[in-house]
């Protein structure tokens, strides 16, 4: 429910979202992307 709620917030607030497997996949992908970008910043991979 928390994962679905954060999606409702990201998409403009004052709304509702039902949990789905897609939300879970998006959440994992986002965490991986954030970790990758932090690594890229630390290792000079951004130009």
ModelCIF file with pLDDT and N, C-alpha, C, O atoms, coordinates in Angstrom:
data_MODEL
#
_entry.id   MODEL 
#
_entity.id                         1 
_entity.type                       polymer 
_entity.pdbx_number_of_molecules   1 
#
_entity_poly.entity_id                      1 
_entity_poly.type                           'polypeptide(L)' 
_entity_poly.nstd_linkage                   no 
_entity_poly.nstd_monomer                   no 
_entity_poly.pdbx_seq_one_letter_code       
;(UNK)(UNK)(UNK)(UNK)(UNK)(UNK)(UNK)(UNK)(UNK)(UNK)(UNK)(UNK)(UNK)(UNK)(UNK)(UNK)
(UNK)(UNK)(UNK)(UNK)(UNK)(UNK)(UNK)(UNK)(UNK)(UNK)(UNK)(UNK)(UNK)(UNK)(UNK)(UNK)
(UNK)(UNK)(UNK)(UNK)(UNK)(UNK)(UNK)(UNK)(UNK)(UNK)(UNK)(UNK)(UNK)(UNK)(UNK)
;
_entity_poly.pdbx_seq_one_letter_code_can   XXXXXXXXXXXXXXXXXXXXXXXXXXXXXXXXXXXXXXXXXXXXXXX 
_entity_poly.pdbx_strand_id                 A 
#
loop_
_entity_poly_seq.entity_id 
_entity_poly_seq.num 
_entity_poly_seq.mon_id 
_entity_poly_seq.hetero 
1 1  UNK n 
1 2  UNK n 
1 3  UNK n 
1 4  UNK n 
1 5  UNK n 
1 6  UNK n 
1 7  UNK n 
1 8  UNK n 
1 9  UNK n 
1 10 UNK n 
1 11 UNK n 
1 12 UNK n 
1 13 UNK n 
1 14 UNK n 
1 15 UNK n 
1 16 UNK n 
1 17 UNK n 
1 18 UNK n 
1 19 UNK n 
1 20 UNK n 
1 21 UNK n 
1 22 UNK n 
1 23 UNK n 
1 24 UNK n 
1 25 UNK n 
1 26 UNK n 
1 27 UNK n 
1 28 UNK n 
1 29 UNK n 
1 30 UNK n 
1 31 UNK n 
1 32 UNK n 
1 33 UNK n 
1 34 UNK n 
1 35 UNK n 
1 36 UNK n 
1 37 UNK n 
1 38 UNK n 
1 39 UNK n 
1 40 UNK n 
1 41 UNK n 
1 42 UNK n 
1 43 UNK n 
1 44 UNK n 
1 45 UNK n 
1 46 UNK n 
1 47 UNK n 
#
_struct_asym.id          A 
_struct_asym.entity_id   1 
#
loop_
_ma_qa_metric.id 
_ma_qa_metric.mode 
_ma_qa_metric.name 
_ma_qa_metric.software_group_id 
_ma_qa_metric.type 
1 global pLDDT . pLDDT 
2 local  pLDDT . pLDDT 
#
_ma_qa_metric_global.metric_id      1 
_ma_qa_metric_global.metric_value   88.11 
_ma_qa_metric_global.model_id       1 
_ma_qa_metric_global.ordinal_id     1 
#
loop_
_ma_qa_metric_local.label_asym_id 
_ma_qa_metric_local.label_comp_id 
_ma_qa_metric_local.label_seq_id 
_ma_qa_metric_local.metric_id 
_ma_qa_metric_local.metric_value 
_ma_qa_metric_local.model_id 
_ma_qa_metric_local.ordinal_id 
A UNK 1  2 95.00 1 1  
A UNK 2  2 93.00 1 2  
A UNK 3  2 91.00 1 3  
A UNK 4  2 93.00 1 4  
A UNK 5  2 94.00 1 5  
A UNK 6  2 90.00 1 6  
A UNK 7  2 89.00 1 7  
A UNK 8  2 93.00 1 8  
A UNK 9  2 92.00 1 9  
A UNK 10 2 88.00 1 10 
A UNK 11 2 89.00 1 11 
A UNK 12 2 91.00 1 12 
A UNK 13 2 93.00 1 13 
A UNK 14 2 96.00 1 14 
A UNK 15 2 96.00 1 15 
A UNK 16 2 97.00 1 16 
A UNK 17 2 95.00 1 17 
A UNK 18 2 96.00 1 18 
A UNK 19 2 95.00 1 19 
A UNK 20 2 92.00 1 20 
A UNK 21 2 82.00 1 21 
A UNK 22 2 83.00 1 22 
A UNK 23 2 78.00 1 23 
A UNK 24 2 70.00 1 24 
A UNK 25 2 69.00 1 25 
A UNK 26 2 75.00 1 26 
A UNK 27 2 68.00 1 27 
A UNK 28 2 69.00 1 28 
A UNK 29 2 77.00 1 29 
A UNK 30 2 77.00 1 30 
A UNK 31 2 76.00 1 31 
A UNK 32 2 84.00 1 32 
A UNK 33 2 84.00 1 33 
A UNK 34 2 86.00 1 34 
A UNK 35 2 87.00 1 35 
A UNK 36 2 90.00 1 36 
A UNK 37 2 92.00 1 37 
A UNK 38 2 92.00 1 38 
A UNK 39 2 92.00 1 39 
A UNK 40 2 93.00 1 40 
A UNK 41 2 93.00 1 41 
A UNK 42 2 94.00 1 42 
A UNK 43 2 93.00 1 43 
A UNK 44 2 94.00 1 44 
A UNK 45 2 95.00 1 45 
A UNK 46 2 95.00 1 46 
A UNK 47 2 95.00 1 47 
#
loop_
_atom_site.group_PDB 
_atom_site.id 
_atom_site.type_symbol 
_atom_site.label_atom_id 
_atom_site.label_alt_id 
_atom_site.label_comp_id 
_atom_site.label_asym_id 
_atom_site.label_entity_id 
_atom_site.label_seq_id 
_atom_site.pdbx_PDB_ins_code 
_atom_site.Cartn_x 
_atom_site.Cartn_y 
_atom_site.Cartn_z 
_atom_site.occupancy 
_atom_site.B_iso_or_equiv 
_atom_site.pdbx_formal_charge 
_atom_site.auth_seq_id 
_atom_site.auth_comp_id 
_atom_site.auth_asym_id 
_atom_site.auth_atom_id 
_atom_site.pdbx_PDB_model_num 
ATOM 1   N N  . UNK A 1 1  ? 0.841  -1.203 0.000   1.00 95.00 ? 1  UNK A N  1 
ATOM 2   C CA . UNK A 1 1  ? 0.000  0.000  0.000   1.00 95.00 ? 1  UNK A CA 1 
ATOM 3   C C  . UNK A 1 1  ? 0.874  1.251  0.000   1.00 95.00 ? 1  UNK A C  1 
ATOM 4   O O  . UNK A 1 1  ? 0.556  2.237  -0.664  1.00 95.00 ? 1  UNK A O  1 
ATOM 5   N N  . UNK A 1 2  ? 1.977  1.206  0.748   1.00 93.00 ? 2  UNK A N  1 
ATOM 6   C CA . UNK A 1 2  ? 2.930  2.318  0.781   1.00 93.00 ? 2  UNK A CA 1 
ATOM 7   C C  . UNK A 1 2  ? 3.511  2.587  -0.607  1.00 93.00 ? 2  UNK A C  1 
ATOM 8   O O  . UNK A 1 2  ? 3.614  3.741  -1.021  1.00 93.00 ? 2  UNK A O  1 
ATOM 9   N N  . UNK A 1 3  ? 3.887  1.540  -1.319  1.00 91.00 ? 3  UNK A N  1 
ATOM 10  C CA . UNK A 1 3  ? 4.432  1.700  -2.678  1.00 91.00 ? 3  UNK A CA 1 
ATOM 11  C C  . UNK A 1 3  ? 3.409  2.364  -3.587  1.00 91.00 ? 3  UNK A C  1 
ATOM 12  O O  . UNK A 1 3  ? 3.750  3.256  -4.363  1.00 91.00 ? 3  UNK A O  1 
ATOM 13  N N  . UNK A 1 4  ? 2.167  1.937  -3.494  1.00 93.00 ? 4  UNK A N  1 
ATOM 14  C CA . UNK A 1 4  ? 1.108  2.526  -4.308  1.00 93.00 ? 4  UNK A CA 1 
ATOM 15  C C  . UNK A 1 4  ? 0.869  3.986  -3.913  1.00 93.00 ? 4  UNK A C  1 
ATOM 16  O O  . UNK A 1 4  ? 0.628  4.835  -4.771  1.00 93.00 ? 4  UNK A O  1 
ATOM 17  N N  . UNK A 1 5  ? 0.937  4.269  -2.608  1.00 94.00 ? 5  UNK A N  1 
ATOM 18  C CA . UNK A 1 5  ? 0.729  5.639  -2.125  1.00 94.00 ? 5  UNK A CA 1 
ATOM 19  C C  . UNK A 1 5  ? 1.819  6.574  -2.656  1.00 94.00 ? 5  UNK A C  1 
ATOM 20  O O  . UNK A 1 5  ? 1.524  7.700  -3.059  1.00 94.00 ? 5  UNK A O  1 
ATOM 21  N N  . UNK A 1 6  ? 3.075  6.117  -2.659  1.00 90.00 ? 6  UNK A N  1 
ATOM 22  C CA . UNK A 1 6  ? 4.151  6.969  -3.173  1.00 90.00 ? 6  UNK A CA 1 
ATOM 23  C C  . UNK A 1 6  ? 3.970  7.247  -4.657  1.00 90.00 ? 6  UNK A C  1 
ATOM 24  O O  . UNK A 1 6  ? 4.331  8.325  -5.129  1.00 90.00 ? 6  UNK A O  1 
ATOM 25  N N  . UNK A 1 7  ? 3.422  6.301  -5.393  1.00 89.00 ? 7  UNK A N  1 
ATOM 26  C CA . UNK A 1 7  ? 3.122  6.540  -6.805  1.00 89.00 ? 7  UNK A CA 1 
ATOM 27  C C  . UNK A 1 7  ? 2.024  7.602  -6.935  1.00 89.00 ? 7  UNK A C  1 
ATOM 28  O O  . UNK A 1 7  ? 2.113  8.475  -7.799  1.00 89.00 ? 7  UNK A O  1 
ATOM 29  N N  . UNK A 1 8  ? 0.999  7.536  -6.095  1.00 93.00 ? 8  UNK A N  1 
ATOM 30  C CA . UNK A 1 8  ? -0.061 8.559  -6.119  1.00 93.00 ? 8  UNK A CA 1 
ATOM 31  C C  . UNK A 1 8  ? 0.535  9.937  -5.838  1.00 93.00 ? 8  UNK A C  1 
ATOM 32  O O  . UNK A 1 8  ? 0.142  10.920 -6.466  1.00 93.00 ? 8  UNK A O  1 
ATOM 33  N N  . UNK A 1 9  ? 1.481  10.015 -4.898  1.00 92.00 ? 9  UNK A N  1 
ATOM 34  C CA . UNK A 1 9  ? 2.148  11.291 -4.602  1.00 92.00 ? 9  UNK A CA 1 
ATOM 35  C C  . UNK A 1 9  ? 2.950  11.785 -5.800  1.00 92.00 ? 9  UNK A C  1 
ATOM 36  O O  . UNK A 1 9  ? 2.874  12.958 -6.167  1.00 92.00 ? 9  UNK A O  1 
ATOM 37  N N  . UNK A 1 10 ? 3.718  10.881 -6.408  1.00 88.00 ? 10 UNK A N  1 
ATOM 38  C CA . UNK A 1 10 ? 4.547  11.253 -7.558  1.00 88.00 ? 10 UNK A CA 1 
ATOM 39  C C  . UNK A 1 10 ? 3.716  11.734 -8.731  1.00 88.00 ? 10 UNK A C  1 
ATOM 40  O O  . UNK A 1 10 ? 4.157  12.588 -9.501  1.00 88.00 ? 10 UNK A O  1 
ATOM 41  N N  . UNK A 1 11 ? 2.525  11.195 -8.869  1.00 89.00 ? 11 UNK A N  1 
ATOM 42  C CA . UNK A 1 11 ? 1.683  11.526 -10.020 1.00 89.00 ? 11 UNK A CA 1 
ATOM 43  C C  . UNK A 1 11 ? 0.741  12.691 -9.751  1.00 89.00 ? 11 UNK A C  1 
ATOM 44  O O  . UNK A 1 11 ? -0.223 12.885 -10.491 1.00 89.00 ? 11 UNK A O  1 
ATOM 45  N N  . UNK A 1 12 ? 1.000  13.468 -8.706  1.00 91.00 ? 12 UNK A N  1 
ATOM 46  C CA . UNK A 1 12 ? 0.241  14.689 -8.512  1.00 91.00 ? 12 UNK A CA 1 
ATOM 47  C C  . UNK A 1 12 ? -0.510 14.826 -7.212  1.00 91.00 ? 12 UNK A C  1 
ATOM 48  O O  . UNK A 1 12 ? -1.098 15.878 -6.964  1.00 91.00 ? 12 UNK A O  1 
ATOM 49  N N  . UNK A 1 13 ? -0.517 13.817 -6.376  1.00 93.00 ? 13 UNK A N  1 
ATOM 50  C CA . UNK A 1 13 ? -1.172 13.875 -5.066  1.00 93.00 ? 13 UNK A CA 1 
ATOM 51  C C  . UNK A 1 13 ? -2.694 13.938 -5.180  1.00 93.00 ? 13 UNK A C  1 
ATOM 52  O O  . UNK A 1 13 ? -3.252 13.991 -6.276  1.00 93.00 ? 13 UNK A O  1 
ATOM 53  N N  . UNK A 1 14 ? -3.355 13.931 -4.008  1.00 96.00 ? 14 UNK A N  1 
ATOM 54  C CA . UNK A 1 14 ? -4.815 13.989 -3.918  1.00 96.00 ? 14 UNK A CA 1 
ATOM 55  C C  . UNK A 1 14 ? -5.483 12.949 -4.816  1.00 96.00 ? 14 UNK A C  1 
ATOM 56  O O  . UNK A 1 14 ? -6.441 13.249 -5.528  1.00 96.00 ? 14 UNK A O  1 
ATOM 57  N N  . UNK A 1 15 ? -4.966 11.737 -4.770  1.00 96.00 ? 15 UNK A N  1 
ATOM 58  C CA . UNK A 1 15 ? -5.533 10.673 -5.583  1.00 96.00 ? 15 UNK A CA 1 
ATOM 59  C C  . UNK A 1 15 ? -5.214 9.331  -4.931  1.00 96.00 ? 15 UNK A C  1 
ATOM 60  O O  . UNK A 1 15 ? -4.608 9.274  -3.861  1.00 96.00 ? 15 UNK A O  1 
ATOM 61  N N  . UNK A 1 16 ? -5.625 8.275  -5.578  1.00 97.00 ? 16 UNK A N  1 
ATOM 62  C CA . UNK A 1 16 ? -5.385 6.934  -5.052  1.00 97.00 ? 16 UNK A CA 1 
ATOM 63  C C  . UNK A 1 16 ? -4.791 6.055  -6.131  1.00 97.00 ? 16 UNK A C  1 
ATOM 64  O O  . UNK A 1 16 ? -4.995 6.281  -7.323  1.00 97.00 ? 16 UNK A O  1 
ATOM 65  N N  . UNK A 1 17 ? -4.055 5.052  -5.697  1.00 95.00 ? 17 UNK A N  1 
ATOM 66  C CA . UNK A 1 17 ? -3.504 4.038  -6.596  1.00 95.00 ? 17 UNK A CA 1 
ATOM 67  C C  . UNK A 1 17 ? -3.616 2.683  -5.917  1.00 95.00 ? 17 UNK A C  1 
ATOM 68  O O  . UNK A 1 17 ? -3.390 2.549  -4.714  1.00 95.00 ? 17 UNK A O  1 
ATOM 69  N N  . UNK A 1 18 ? -3.968 1.690  -6.708  1.00 96.00 ? 18 UNK A N  1 
ATOM 70  C CA . UNK A 1 18 ? -3.957 0.313  -6.238  1.00 96.00 ? 18 UNK A CA 1 
ATOM 71  C C  . UNK A 1 18 ? -2.570 -0.257 -6.492  1.00 96.00 ? 18 UNK A C  1 
ATOM 72  O O  . UNK A 1 18 ? -1.925 0.081  -7.484  1.00 96.00 ? 18 UNK A O  1 
ATOM 73  N N  . UNK A 1 19 ? -2.115 -1.118 -5.597  1.00 95.00 ? 19 UNK A N  1 
ATOM 74  C CA . UNK A 1 19 ? -0.844 -1.791 -5.791  1.00 95.00 ? 19 UNK A CA 1 
ATOM 75  C C  . UNK A 1 19 ? -0.936 -2.724 -6.994  1.00 95.00 ? 19 UNK A C  1 
ATOM 76  O O  . UNK A 1 19 ? -1.985 -3.309 -7.262  1.00 95.00 ? 19 UNK A O  1 
ATOM 77  N N  . UNK A 1 20 ? 0.171  -2.853 -7.709  1.00 92.00 ? 20 UNK A N  1 
ATOM 78  C CA . UNK A 1 20 ? 0.268  -3.811 -8.807  1.00 92.00 ? 20 UNK A CA 1 
ATOM 79  C C  . UNK A 1 20 ? 1.710  -4.283 -8.908  1.00 92.00 ? 20 UNK A C  1 
ATOM 80  O O  . UNK A 1 20 ? 2.612  -3.664 -8.344  1.00 92.00 ? 20 UNK A O  1 
ATOM 81  N N  . UNK A 1 21 ? 1.921  -5.359 -9.613  1.00 82.00 ? 21 UNK A N  1 
ATOM 82  C CA . UNK A 1 21 ? 3.282  -5.865 -9.812  1.00 82.00 ? 21 UNK A CA 1 
ATOM 83  C C  . UNK A 1 21 ? 4.130  -4.836 -10.541 1.00 82.00 ? 21 UNK A C  1 
ATOM 84  O O  . UNK A 1 21 ? 5.336  -4.756 -10.309 1.00 82.00 ? 21 UNK A O  1 
ATOM 85  N N  . UNK A 1 22 ? 3.514  -4.038 -11.429 1.00 83.00 ? 22 UNK A N  1 
ATOM 86  C CA . UNK A 1 22 ? 4.253  -2.995 -12.144 1.00 83.00 ? 22 UNK A CA 1 
ATOM 87  C C  . UNK A 1 22 ? 4.833  -1.970 -11.189 1.00 83.00 ? 22 UNK A C  1 
ATOM 88  O O  . UNK A 1 22 ? 5.952  -1.497 -11.388 1.00 83.00 ? 22 UNK A O  1 
ATOM 89  N N  . UNK A 1 23 ? 4.085  -1.623 -10.156 1.00 78.00 ? 23 UNK A N  1 
ATOM 90  C CA . UNK A 1 23 ? 4.571  -0.648 -9.174  1.00 78.00 ? 23 UNK A CA 1 
ATOM 91  C C  . UNK A 1 23 ? 5.805  -1.194 -8.487  1.00 78.00 ? 23 UNK A C  1 
ATOM 92  O O  . UNK A 1 23 ? 6.782  -0.470 -8.297  1.00 78.00 ? 23 UNK A O  1 
ATOM 93  N N  . UNK A 1 24 ? 5.772  -2.457 -8.116  1.00 70.00 ? 24 UNK A N  1 
ATOM 94  C CA . UNK A 1 24 ? 6.924  -3.070 -7.451  1.00 70.00 ? 24 UNK A CA 1 
ATOM 95  C C  . UNK A 1 24 ? 8.142  -3.066 -8.378  1.00 70.00 ? 24 UNK A C  1 
ATOM 96  O O  . UNK A 1 24 ? 9.251  -2.753 -7.945  1.00 70.00 ? 24 UNK A O  1 
ATOM 97  N N  . UNK A 1 25 ? 7.938  -3.411 -9.648  1.00 69.00 ? 25 UNK A N  1 
ATOM 98  C CA . UNK A 1 25 ? 9.029  -3.422 -10.621 1.00 69.00 ? 25 UNK A CA 1 
ATOM 99  C C  . UNK A 1 25 ? 9.594  -2.018 -10.795 1.00 69.00 ? 25 UNK A C  1 
ATOM 100 O O  . UNK A 1 25 ? 10.812 -1.840 -10.814 1.00 69.00 ? 25 UNK A O  1 
ATOM 101 N N  . UNK A 1 26 ? 8.718  -1.014 -10.924 1.00 75.00 ? 26 UNK A N  1 
ATOM 102 C CA . UNK A 1 26 ? 9.162  0.373  -11.079 1.00 75.00 ? 26 UNK A CA 1 
ATOM 103 C C  . UNK A 1 26 ? 9.964  0.818  -9.868  1.00 75.00 ? 26 UNK A C  1 
ATOM 104 O O  . UNK A 1 26 ? 10.966 1.519  -10.005 1.00 75.00 ? 26 UNK A O  1 
ATOM 105 N N  . UNK A 1 27 ? 9.529  0.416  -8.690  1.00 68.00 ? 27 UNK A N  1 
ATOM 106 C CA . UNK A 1 27 ? 10.205 0.793  -7.457  1.00 68.00 ? 27 UNK A CA 1 
ATOM 107 C C  . UNK A 1 27 ? 11.617 0.224  -7.419  1.00 68.00 ? 27 UNK A C  1 
ATOM 108 O O  . UNK A 1 27 ? 12.561 0.934  -7.068  1.00 68.00 ? 27 UNK A O  1 
ATOM 109 N N  . UNK A 1 28 ? 11.771 -1.038 -7.772  1.00 69.00 ? 28 UNK A N  1 
ATOM 110 C CA . UNK A 1 28 ? 13.094 -1.670 -7.788  1.00 69.00 ? 28 UNK A CA 1 
ATOM 111 C C  . UNK A 1 28 ? 13.976 -1.014 -8.845  1.00 69.00 ? 28 UNK A C  1 
ATOM 112 O O  . UNK A 1 28 ? 15.147 -0.731 -8.591  1.00 69.00 ? 28 UNK A O  1 
ATOM 113 N N  . UNK A 1 29 ? 13.414 -0.773 -10.031 1.00 77.00 ? 29 UNK A N  1 
ATOM 114 C CA . UNK A 1 29 ? 14.182 -0.133 -11.101 1.00 77.00 ? 29 UNK A CA 1 
ATOM 115 C C  . UNK A 1 29 ? 14.636 1.263  -10.693 1.00 77.00 ? 29 UNK A C  1 
ATOM 116 O O  . UNK A 1 29 ? 15.760 1.667  -10.990 1.00 77.00 ? 29 UNK A O  1 
ATOM 117 N N  . UNK A 1 30 ? 13.769 1.991  -10.019 1.00 77.00 ? 30 UNK A N  1 
ATOM 118 C CA . UNK A 1 30 ? 14.124 3.344  -9.588  1.00 77.00 ? 30 UNK A CA 1 
ATOM 119 C C  . UNK A 1 30 ? 15.258 3.312  -8.563  1.00 77.00 ? 30 UNK A C  1 
ATOM 120 O O  . UNK A 1 30 ? 16.186 4.118  -8.637  1.00 77.00 ? 30 UNK A O  1 
ATOM 121 N N  . UNK A 1 31 ? 15.185 2.384  -7.610  1.00 76.00 ? 31 UNK A N  1 
ATOM 122 C CA . UNK A 1 31 ? 16.254 2.252  -6.620  1.00 76.00 ? 31 UNK A CA 1 
ATOM 123 C C  . UNK A 1 31 ? 17.583 1.916  -7.286  1.00 76.00 ? 31 UNK A C  1 
ATOM 124 O O  . UNK A 1 31 ? 18.626 2.457  -6.920  1.00 76.00 ? 31 UNK A O  1 
ATOM 125 N N  . UNK A 1 32 ? 17.535 1.016  -8.268  1.00 84.00 ? 32 UNK A N  1 
ATOM 126 C CA . UNK A 1 32 ? 18.760 0.643  -8.981  1.00 84.00 ? 32 UNK A CA 1 
ATOM 127 C C  . UNK A 1 32 ? 19.324 1.830  -9.762  1.00 84.00 ? 32 UNK A C  1 
ATOM 128 O O  . UNK A 1 32 ? 20.537 2.037  -9.789  1.00 84.00 ? 32 UNK A O  1 
ATOM 129 N N  . UNK A 1 33 ? 18.450 2.604  -10.392 1.00 84.00 ? 33 UNK A N  1 
ATOM 130 C CA . UNK A 1 33 ? 18.888 3.772  -11.145 1.00 84.00 ? 33 UNK A CA 1 
ATOM 131 C C  . UNK A 1 33 ? 19.506 4.812  -10.210 1.00 84.00 ? 33 UNK A C  1 
ATOM 132 O O  . UNK A 1 33 ? 20.555 5.378  -10.518 1.00 84.00 ? 33 UNK A O  1 
ATOM 133 N N  . UNK A 1 34 ? 18.855 5.065  -9.064  1.00 86.00 ? 34 UNK A N  1 
ATOM 134 C CA . UNK A 1 34 ? 19.401 6.024  -8.095  1.00 86.00 ? 34 UNK A CA 1 
ATOM 135 C C  . UNK A 1 34 ? 20.774 5.591  -7.597  1.00 86.00 ? 34 UNK A C  1 
ATOM 136 O O  . UNK A 1 34 ? 21.688 6.410  -7.500  1.00 86.00 ? 34 UNK A O  1 
ATOM 137 N N  . UNK A 1 35 ? 20.922 4.306  -7.283  1.00 87.00 ? 35 UNK A N  1 
ATOM 138 C CA . UNK A 1 35 ? 22.213 3.793  -6.822  1.00 87.00 ? 35 UNK A CA 1 
ATOM 139 C C  . UNK A 1 35 ? 23.259 3.923  -7.927  1.00 87.00 ? 35 UNK A C  1 
ATOM 140 O O  . UNK A 1 35 ? 24.406 4.285  -7.666  1.00 87.00 ? 35 UNK A O  1 
ATOM 141 N N  . UNK A 1 36 ? 22.855 3.626  -9.160  1.00 90.00 ? 36 UNK A N  1 
ATOM 142 C CA . UNK A 1 36 ? 23.772 3.753  -10.291 1.00 90.00 ? 36 UNK A CA 1 
ATOM 143 C C  . UNK A 1 36 ? 24.220 5.187  -10.520 1.00 90.00 ? 36 UNK A C  1 
ATOM 144 O O  . UNK A 1 36 ? 25.390 5.437  -10.812 1.00 90.00 ? 36 UNK A O  1 
ATOM 145 N N  . UNK A 1 37 ? 23.290 6.133  -10.388 1.00 92.00 ? 37 UNK A N  1 
ATOM 146 C CA . UNK A 1 37 ? 23.648 7.545  -10.564 1.00 92.00 ? 37 UNK A CA 1 
ATOM 147 C C  . UNK A 1 37 ? 24.576 8.043  -9.459  1.00 92.00 ? 37 UNK A C  1 
ATOM 148 O O  . UNK A 1 37 ? 25.488 8.828  -9.717  1.00 92.00 ? 37 UNK A O  1 
ATOM 149 N N  . UNK A 1 38 ? 24.344 7.590  -8.233  1.00 92.00 ? 38 UNK A N  1 
ATOM 150 C CA . UNK A 1 38 ? 25.255 7.966  -7.140  1.00 92.00 ? 38 UNK A CA 1 
ATOM 151 C C  . UNK A 1 38 ? 26.669 7.449  -7.436  1.00 92.00 ? 38 UNK A C  1 
ATOM 152 O O  . UNK A 1 38 ? 27.658 8.154  -7.240  1.00 92.00 ? 38 UNK A O  1 
ATOM 153 N N  . UNK A 1 39 ? 26.736 6.210  -7.910  1.00 92.00 ? 39 UNK A N  1 
ATOM 154 C CA . UNK A 1 39 ? 28.022 5.609  -8.279  1.00 92.00 ? 39 UNK A CA 1 
ATOM 155 C C  . UNK A 1 39 ? 28.666 6.417  -9.406  1.00 92.00 ? 39 UNK A C  1 
ATOM 156 O O  . UNK A 1 39 ? 29.867 6.688  -9.376  1.00 92.00 ? 39 UNK A O  1 
ATOM 157 N N  . UNK A 1 40 ? 27.853 6.803  -10.410 1.00 93.00 ? 40 UNK A N  1 
ATOM 158 C CA . UNK A 1 40 ? 28.361 7.572  -11.544 1.00 93.00 ? 40 UNK A CA 1 
ATOM 159 C C  . UNK A 1 40 ? 28.930 8.910  -11.093 1.00 93.00 ? 40 UNK A C  1 
ATOM 160 O O  . UNK A 1 40 ? 29.972 9.340  -11.587 1.00 93.00 ? 40 UNK A O  1 
ATOM 161 N N  . UNK A 1 41 ? 28.253 9.570  -10.159 1.00 93.00 ? 41 UNK A N  1 
ATOM 162 C CA . UNK A 1 41 ? 28.760 10.849 -9.635  1.00 93.00 ? 41 UNK A CA 1 
ATOM 163 C C  . UNK A 1 41 ? 30.088 10.662 -8.915  1.00 93.00 ? 41 UNK A C  1 
ATOM 164 O O  . UNK A 1 41 ? 31.023 11.441 -9.100  1.00 93.00 ? 41 UNK A O  1 
ATOM 165 N N  . UNK A 1 42 ? 30.157 9.626  -8.096  1.00 94.00 ? 42 UNK A N  1 
ATOM 166 C CA . UNK A 1 42 ? 31.367 9.364  -7.315  1.00 94.00 ? 42 UNK A CA 1 
ATOM 167 C C  . UNK A 1 42 ? 32.554 8.967  -8.191  1.00 94.00 ? 42 UNK A C  1 
ATOM 168 O O  . UNK A 1 42 ? 33.702 9.195  -7.808  1.00 94.00 ? 42 UNK A O  1 
ATOM 169 N N  . UNK A 1 43 ? 32.298 8.379  -9.358  1.00 93.00 ? 43 UNK A N  1 
ATOM 170 C CA . UNK A 1 43 ? 33.377 7.858  -10.200 1.00 93.00 ? 43 UNK A CA 1 
ATOM 171 C C  . UNK A 1 43 ? 33.564 8.634  -11.503 1.00 93.00 ? 43 UNK A C  1 
ATOM 172 O O  . UNK A 1 43 ? 34.224 8.153  -12.424 1.00 93.00 ? 43 UNK A O  1 
ATOM 173 N N  . UNK A 1 44 ? 32.987 9.826  -11.581 1.00 94.00 ? 44 UNK A N  1 
ATOM 174 C CA . UNK A 1 44 ? 33.199 10.694 -12.735 1.00 94.00 ? 44 UNK A CA 1 
ATOM 175 C C  . UNK A 1 44 ? 32.676 10.129 -14.046 1.00 94.00 ? 44 UNK A C  1 
ATOM 176 O O  . UNK A 1 44 ? 33.292 10.334 -15.092 1.00 94.00 ? 44 UNK A O  1 
ATOM 177 N N  . UNK A 1 45 ? 31.570 9.434  -14.012 1.00 95.00 ? 45 UNK A N  1 
ATOM 178 C CA . UNK A 1 45 ? 31.023 8.817  -15.218 1.00 95.00 ? 45 UNK A CA 1 
ATOM 179 C C  . UNK A 1 45 ? 30.050 9.731  -15.970 1.00 95.00 ? 45 UNK A C  1 
ATOM 180 O O  . UNK A 1 45 ? 29.547 9.365  -17.032 1.00 95.00 ? 45 UNK A O  1 
ATOM 181 N N  . UNK A 1 46 ? 29.788 10.917 -15.418 1.00 95.00 ? 46 UNK A N  1 
ATOM 182 C CA . UNK A 1 46 ? 28.878 11.855 -16.072 1.00 95.00 ? 46 UNK A CA 1 
ATOM 183 C C  . UNK A 1 46 ? 29.699 12.913 -16.803 1.00 95.00 ? 46 UNK A C  1 
ATOM 184 O O  . UNK A 1 46 ? 30.677 13.432 -16.264 1.00 95.00 ? 46 UNK A O  1 
ATOM 185 N N  . UNK A 1 47 ? 29.293 13.231 -18.038 1.00 95.00 ? 47 UNK A N  1 
ATOM 186 C CA . UNK A 1 47 ? 30.021 14.219 -18.834 1.00 95.00 ? 47 UNK A CA 1 
ATOM 187 C C  . UNK A 1 47 ? 29.041 15.273 -19.338 1.00 95.00 ? 47 UNK A C  1 
ATOM 188 O O  . UNK A 1 47 ? 29.441 16.207 -20.033 1.00 95.00 ? 47 UNK A O  1 
#
